Amino acid sequence: MTNDEPTVGRRVLLRTAVFLGIAAAASSGLLSGGEGGPTAGPSGTPPGGAPEPARGPGAAGAPGAHPEGLPDASHRLQPMTAEAPARPPAGKPAVRTRPILELPQGPAAGDRAMLLTFDDGPDPRYTPAILDTLRRYGVRAMFFVCGEMATDNRDLLRRMAAEGHVIGNHTWTHPQIPQLTRSALESEIGRTSEVVEQAVGAPPLWFRAPYGAWNRAAFEIGADLGMEPLAWTVDSLDWTEPGTTTIVSRILDGAAPGVIVLNHDAGGNRSQSVRALETYLPQLRGRGYRMTLPVLPPR
């Protein structure tokens, strides 16, 4: 045996030991991502090397998320649903002949649940203040966004999603739907869904027609894109800028179990809408109402 032979022998033994160790780890599932799952990357990252993003409201590092989570729950309205679905369920919804006009009740929804919705945004002048107030009271809402506003304010879309709000489709330019050709309407709705999906990783599951002007094509196109049509039952008429007190009175007078409230966070001067929310939200709490998110009907 030459002087190199002991070294070669040790290398062979070492490689054999490493091989046996790998085989034992694989047989015990340590190198798999679960039963038949992909192998995890360094530090628990999924395949591709990118760390899995945090999910749910208040996730660390999420845009606009509170670094310490939501404040103590003893003084705020309680959300009825933790967050919006991350991905659309399998299958498409049926084509409806009219929009949903009452709050779809889920198993966790109480008999004094209401839904707040905000249309036409996001607008960097008003939407952040509305999001701040909702977060202060631990309330989640729906934002029906217009594509032409959303495309330039994707950071606000990401904040909405990070804080557990539901993003809906409100067309691209807020047109009168009955005046559009079908191809033009497909573009209005489809482009908006694409922007939302690009920004937050999932397409919207709800659609609202501008001005509440629906037609057969809107129901068909919305359903084909996996969305349910949602209207409202209490209109604050805040877009007319009637004054903060009037907006508050309309919402408090219309408050009832299952109602869907229409507000706006864009499309004009919405400072009255911002102040009104700060006023009526704690008053609704005092009356025993809780804000919830909608539950998709079975498909």
Foldseek 3Di string as FASTA:
>chain_A
DDPCVVVVVVVVVVVVVVVVVVVVCVVVVVQAPPVPHHGADPPRARPPPDRDDDAFAQPDPFQPGDVVHFDDQPQAFEAQDRADDLEFDPDFDDQDPAADEWFADDPSDDQQEEAEEAEAADDPVFLVLLVVLCRNRHFEHEYAYAQCHCLVPLSSLRNNRRRRHAYHHAFHPQDQVVVDDLVVRLCRRVSSQVSSCVSHVYGHAAYEYRVNRDDSSVSVSSRVVNHGYHDFDQELVCVVVPALVSSLVSCVVPRGGGGYYYHYRDDDDCPSVSVNCNPNRSVSVVVPYHYYDGDDDDD
